[in-house]
Amino acid sequence: MSETIVTIYEQGVLRPLKPLSLPENTQVRIQIVAPTLPAKEERLRVRKALLDAGVIRPRQVTEPIQPVSEAELEKAAQALAAAGPLSELIMAEREER
């Protein structure tokens, strides 16, 4: 008989969450499959292993990017609008080559 069950580990004992259909004193073989790490912790673990192996380099610390003001956004929008459609600009640039 083979069955997969869920248990909880309490005070040194694995306790099934549902009753088992086994006679008393039956020996069973147990394979422990613990829950995996959350995705973020798993990524950090993999990144550390790659750094330790020299496969990747540490990230360079950069200055934080400052938010763009509403006035700067408006100025950029006006410049883009005056230049015309981007597709036409790309085609014109390609023709110049």
N, C-alpha and C. Protein backbone atom coordinates (compact mmCIF):
# COMPACT_ATOMS: atom_id res chain seq x y z
N MET A 1 0.85 -1.19 0.00
CA MET A 1 0.00 0.00 0.00
C MET A 1 0.89 1.24 0.00
N SER A 2 0.55 2.22 -0.81
CA SER A 2 1.28 3.47 -0.87
C SER A 2 0.27 4.61 -0.79
N GLU A 3 0.53 5.54 0.08
CA GLU A 3 -0.41 6.65 0.28
C GLU A 3 0.38 7.88 0.68
N THR A 4 -0.02 9.03 0.18
CA THR A 4 0.60 10.29 0.59
C THR A 4 -0.33 10.97 1.58
N ILE A 5 0.24 11.34 2.72
CA ILE A 5 -0.56 12.01 3.75
C ILE A 5 0.16 13.28 4.18
N VAL A 6 -0.57 14.16 4.84
CA VAL A 6 0.02 15.38 5.39
C VAL A 6 0.08 15.21 6.90
N THR A 7 1.24 15.57 7.45
CA THR A 7 1.40 15.49 8.90
C THR A 7 1.87 16.83 9.43
N ILE A 8 1.85 16.94 10.73
CA ILE A 8 2.41 18.11 11.40
C ILE A 8 3.41 17.60 12.43
N TYR A 9 4.52 18.30 12.55
CA TYR A 9 5.56 17.91 13.49
C TYR A 9 5.35 18.67 14.78
N GLU A 10 5.06 17.93 15.86
CA GLU A 10 4.80 18.56 17.17
C GLU A 10 5.52 17.78 18.25
N GLN A 11 6.29 18.47 19.04
CA GLN A 11 6.98 17.90 20.19
C GLN A 11 7.72 16.61 19.84
N GLY A 12 8.41 16.63 18.70
CA GLY A 12 9.22 15.49 18.31
C GLY A 12 8.46 14.34 17.66
N VAL A 13 7.18 14.54 17.36
CA VAL A 13 6.37 13.46 16.79
C VAL A 13 5.66 13.96 15.54
N LEU A 14 5.64 13.14 14.47
CA LEU A 14 4.86 13.45 13.28
C LEU A 14 3.43 12.97 13.53
N ARG A 15 2.48 13.89 13.45
CA ARG A 15 1.08 13.55 13.70
C ARG A 15 0.28 13.75 12.42
N PRO A 16 -0.35 12.66 11.89
CA PRO A 16 -1.17 12.81 10.69
C PRO A 16 -2.35 13.75 10.94
N LEU A 17 -2.69 14.54 9.92
CA LEU A 17 -3.82 15.45 10.06
C LEU A 17 -5.16 14.74 9.86
N LYS A 18 -5.13 13.54 9.25
CA LYS A 18 -6.34 12.73 9.07
C LYS A 18 -6.03 11.32 9.56
N PRO A 19 -7.04 10.59 10.04
CA PRO A 19 -6.80 9.21 10.50
C PRO A 19 -6.27 8.33 9.36
N LEU A 20 -5.41 7.37 9.74
CA LEU A 20 -4.85 6.44 8.77
C LEU A 20 -5.60 5.11 8.84
N SER A 21 -5.70 4.45 7.70
CA SER A 21 -6.37 3.15 7.66
C SER A 21 -5.32 2.04 7.78
N LEU A 22 -4.63 2.02 8.93
CA LEU A 22 -3.59 1.03 9.20
C LEU A 22 -3.87 0.33 10.52
N PRO A 23 -3.56 -0.96 10.60
CA PRO A 23 -3.69 -1.64 11.89
C PRO A 23 -2.66 -1.08 12.87
N GLU A 24 -2.95 -1.16 14.14
CA GLU A 24 -2.02 -0.70 15.18
C GLU A 24 -0.68 -1.41 15.03
N ASN A 25 0.39 -0.73 15.37
CA ASN A 25 1.76 -1.24 15.38
C ASN A 25 2.29 -1.59 13.98
N THR A 26 1.68 -1.09 12.92
CA THR A 26 2.18 -1.31 11.58
C THR A 26 3.39 -0.42 11.35
N GLN A 27 4.47 -1.02 10.84
CA GLN A 27 5.65 -0.23 10.50
C GLN A 27 5.43 0.38 9.12
N VAL A 28 5.82 1.63 8.98
CA VAL A 28 5.71 2.32 7.70
C VAL A 28 7.04 2.98 7.38
N ARG A 29 7.27 3.23 6.11
CA ARG A 29 8.46 3.97 5.67
C ARG A 29 8.00 5.38 5.36
N ILE A 30 8.73 6.39 5.85
CA ILE A 30 8.33 7.78 5.68
C ILE A 30 9.39 8.52 4.87
N GLN A 31 8.94 9.27 3.88
CA GLN A 31 9.82 10.16 3.12
C GLN A 31 9.42 11.58 3.49
N ILE A 32 10.36 12.35 4.01
CA ILE A 32 10.08 13.71 4.44
C ILE A 32 10.22 14.65 3.25
N VAL A 33 9.19 15.40 2.94
CA VAL A 33 9.22 16.43 1.91
C VAL A 33 8.76 17.71 2.59
N ALA A 34 9.75 18.52 3.00
CA ALA A 34 9.43 19.76 3.72
C ALA A 34 9.01 20.83 2.72
N PRO A 35 8.23 21.79 3.16
CA PRO A 35 7.83 22.89 2.27
C PRO A 35 9.07 23.63 1.76
N THR A 36 9.00 24.13 0.53
CA THR A 36 10.12 24.87 -0.03
C THR A 36 10.17 26.27 0.56
N LEU A 37 11.32 26.89 0.39
CA LEU A 37 11.48 28.27 0.85
C LEU A 37 10.59 29.19 0.03
N PRO A 38 10.14 30.29 0.61
CA PRO A 38 9.44 31.29 -0.20
C PRO A 38 10.32 31.75 -1.35
N ALA A 39 9.71 32.18 -2.44
CA ALA A 39 10.43 32.54 -3.67
C ALA A 39 11.56 33.53 -3.41
N LYS A 40 11.33 34.55 -2.59
CA LYS A 40 12.35 35.56 -2.35
C LYS A 40 13.56 34.95 -1.64
N GLU A 41 13.30 34.13 -0.63
CA GLU A 41 14.41 33.49 0.10
C GLU A 41 15.17 32.53 -0.82
N GLU A 42 14.45 31.83 -1.68
CA GLU A 42 15.09 30.91 -2.61
C GLU A 42 15.99 31.67 -3.59
N ARG A 43 15.50 32.81 -4.10
CA ARG A 43 16.31 33.63 -5.01
C ARG A 43 17.57 34.13 -4.31
N LEU A 44 17.44 34.57 -3.05
CA LEU A 44 18.60 35.05 -2.30
C LEU A 44 19.61 33.93 -2.08
N ARG A 45 19.13 32.73 -1.80
CA ARG A 45 20.00 31.58 -1.58
C ARG A 45 20.76 31.25 -2.87
N VAL A 46 20.06 31.24 -3.99
CA VAL A 46 20.69 30.95 -5.28
C VAL A 46 21.69 32.05 -5.64
N ARG A 47 21.33 33.31 -5.42
CA ARG A 47 22.23 34.43 -5.72
C ARG A 47 23.51 34.32 -4.90
N LYS A 48 23.38 33.99 -3.62
CA LYS A 48 24.56 33.85 -2.77
C LYS A 48 25.46 32.72 -3.27
N ALA A 49 24.87 31.61 -3.67
CA ALA A 49 25.66 30.49 -4.19
C ALA A 49 26.39 30.90 -5.47
N LEU A 50 25.73 31.64 -6.34
CA LEU A 50 26.37 32.10 -7.58
C LEU A 50 27.49 33.09 -7.30
N LEU A 51 27.27 33.99 -6.33
CA LEU A 51 28.32 34.94 -5.93
C LEU A 51 29.52 34.18 -5.35
N ASP A 52 29.24 33.24 -4.45
CA ASP A 52 30.32 32.47 -3.81
C ASP A 52 31.13 31.68 -4.84
N ALA A 53 30.47 31.20 -5.89
CA ALA A 53 31.14 30.41 -6.93
C ALA A 53 31.85 31.30 -7.94
N GLY A 54 31.64 32.62 -7.87
CA GLY A 54 32.28 33.54 -8.80
C GLY A 54 31.59 33.59 -10.15
N VAL A 55 30.41 33.04 -10.26
CA VAL A 55 29.68 33.05 -11.53
C VAL A 55 29.12 34.44 -11.83
N ILE A 56 28.72 35.15 -10.79
CA ILE A 56 28.23 36.52 -10.95
C ILE A 56 29.01 37.42 -10.01
N ARG A 57 28.93 38.73 -10.27
CA ARG A 57 29.60 39.72 -9.42
C ARG A 57 28.56 40.48 -8.62
N PRO A 58 28.99 41.04 -7.48
CA PRO A 58 28.04 41.85 -6.70
C PRO A 58 27.57 43.05 -7.50
N ARG A 59 26.35 43.46 -7.26
CA ARG A 59 25.82 44.65 -7.93
C ARG A 59 26.55 45.89 -7.43
N GLN A 60 26.75 46.84 -8.36
CA GLN A 60 27.35 48.11 -7.96
C GLN A 60 26.28 48.97 -7.32
N VAL A 61 26.65 49.66 -6.26
CA VAL A 61 25.72 50.56 -5.59
C VAL A 61 25.61 51.83 -6.42
N THR A 62 24.40 52.21 -6.75
CA THR A 62 24.18 53.42 -7.54
C THR A 62 23.31 54.38 -6.74
N GLU A 63 23.35 55.61 -7.16
CA GLU A 63 22.51 56.62 -6.53
C GLU A 63 21.05 56.34 -6.87
N PRO A 64 20.14 56.56 -5.95
CA PRO A 64 18.73 56.34 -6.27
C PRO A 64 18.27 57.31 -7.37
N ILE A 65 17.39 56.84 -8.20
CA ILE A 65 16.86 57.67 -9.29
C ILE A 65 15.84 58.65 -8.70
N GLN A 66 16.03 59.91 -9.04
CA GLN A 66 15.14 60.95 -8.54
C GLN A 66 13.87 60.99 -9.38
N PRO A 67 12.73 61.19 -8.76
CA PRO A 67 11.48 61.26 -9.53
C PRO A 67 11.48 62.48 -10.46
N VAL A 68 10.78 62.33 -11.57
CA VAL A 68 10.67 63.40 -12.55
C VAL A 68 9.49 64.30 -12.15
N SER A 69 9.71 65.60 -12.19
CA SER A 69 8.65 66.54 -11.79
C SER A 69 7.57 66.61 -12.87
N GLU A 70 6.42 67.09 -12.49
CA GLU A 70 5.31 67.28 -13.44
C GLU A 70 5.71 68.24 -14.56
N ALA A 71 6.48 69.28 -14.22
CA ALA A 71 6.91 70.25 -15.22
C ALA A 71 7.84 69.59 -16.24
N GLU A 72 8.76 68.73 -15.77
CA GLU A 72 9.66 68.04 -16.68
C GLU A 72 8.91 67.06 -17.59
N LEU A 73 7.91 66.39 -17.01
CA LEU A 73 7.09 65.48 -17.81
C LEU A 73 6.34 66.24 -18.91
N GLU A 74 5.79 67.38 -18.55
CA GLU A 74 5.05 68.20 -19.52
C GLU A 74 5.99 68.67 -20.63
N LYS A 75 7.18 69.11 -20.26
CA LYS A 75 8.15 69.58 -21.26
C LYS A 75 8.53 68.44 -22.21
N ALA A 76 8.76 67.25 -21.69
CA ALA A 76 9.10 66.10 -22.52
C ALA A 76 7.95 65.72 -23.43
N ALA A 77 6.73 65.76 -22.92
CA ALA A 77 5.55 65.43 -23.73
C ALA A 77 5.39 66.42 -24.88
N GLN A 78 5.63 67.69 -24.62
CA GLN A 78 5.53 68.70 -25.69
C GLN A 78 6.60 68.49 -26.75
N ALA A 79 7.81 68.16 -26.33
CA ALA A 79 8.90 67.93 -27.28
C ALA A 79 8.61 66.71 -28.14
N LEU A 80 8.08 65.65 -27.54
CA LEU A 80 7.73 64.46 -28.31
C LEU A 80 6.59 64.73 -29.27
N ALA A 81 5.62 65.50 -28.83
CA ALA A 81 4.48 65.82 -29.70
C ALA A 81 4.93 66.66 -30.90
N ALA A 82 5.85 67.58 -30.68
CA ALA A 82 6.33 68.45 -31.76
C ALA A 82 7.18 67.66 -32.77
N ALA A 83 7.83 66.60 -32.31
CA ALA A 83 8.70 65.83 -33.19
C ALA A 83 7.92 64.94 -34.14
N GLY A 84 6.68 64.67 -33.86
CA GLY A 84 5.88 63.81 -34.73
C GLY A 84 5.92 62.36 -34.28
N PRO A 85 5.25 61.48 -35.02
CA PRO A 85 5.20 60.08 -34.63
C PRO A 85 6.59 59.45 -34.60
N LEU A 86 6.83 58.63 -33.61
CA LEU A 86 8.13 57.98 -33.45
C LEU A 86 8.47 57.11 -34.65
N SER A 87 7.47 56.44 -35.21
CA SER A 87 7.74 55.56 -36.36
C SER A 87 8.30 56.37 -37.53
N GLU A 88 7.78 57.58 -37.74
CA GLU A 88 8.28 58.41 -38.84
C GLU A 88 9.71 58.87 -38.57
N LEU A 89 10.02 59.17 -37.33
CA LEU A 89 11.38 59.57 -36.97
C LEU A 89 12.37 58.43 -37.23
N ILE A 90 11.97 57.22 -36.89
CA ILE A 90 12.84 56.06 -37.10
C ILE A 90 13.06 55.83 -38.59
N MET A 91 11.99 55.91 -39.38
CA MET A 91 12.12 55.70 -40.82
C MET A 91 13.02 56.78 -41.45
N ALA A 92 12.86 58.02 -41.02
CA ALA A 92 13.68 59.11 -41.56
C ALA A 92 15.15 58.90 -41.22
N GLU A 93 15.41 58.46 -39.99
CA GLU A 93 16.78 58.21 -39.57
C GLU A 93 17.39 57.08 -40.40
N ARG A 94 16.63 56.04 -40.67
CA ARG A 94 17.13 54.92 -41.47
C ARG A 94 17.43 55.35 -42.90
N GLU A 95 16.61 56.25 -43.44
CA GLU A 95 16.82 56.73 -44.80
C GLU A 95 18.09 57.57 -44.90
N GLU A 96 18.45 58.27 -43.83
CA GLU A 96 19.64 59.09 -43.82
C GLU A 96 20.92 58.26 -43.85
N ARG A 97 20.86 57.03 -43.44
CA ARG A 97 22.06 56.18 -43.40
C ARG A 97 22.44 55.74 -44.74
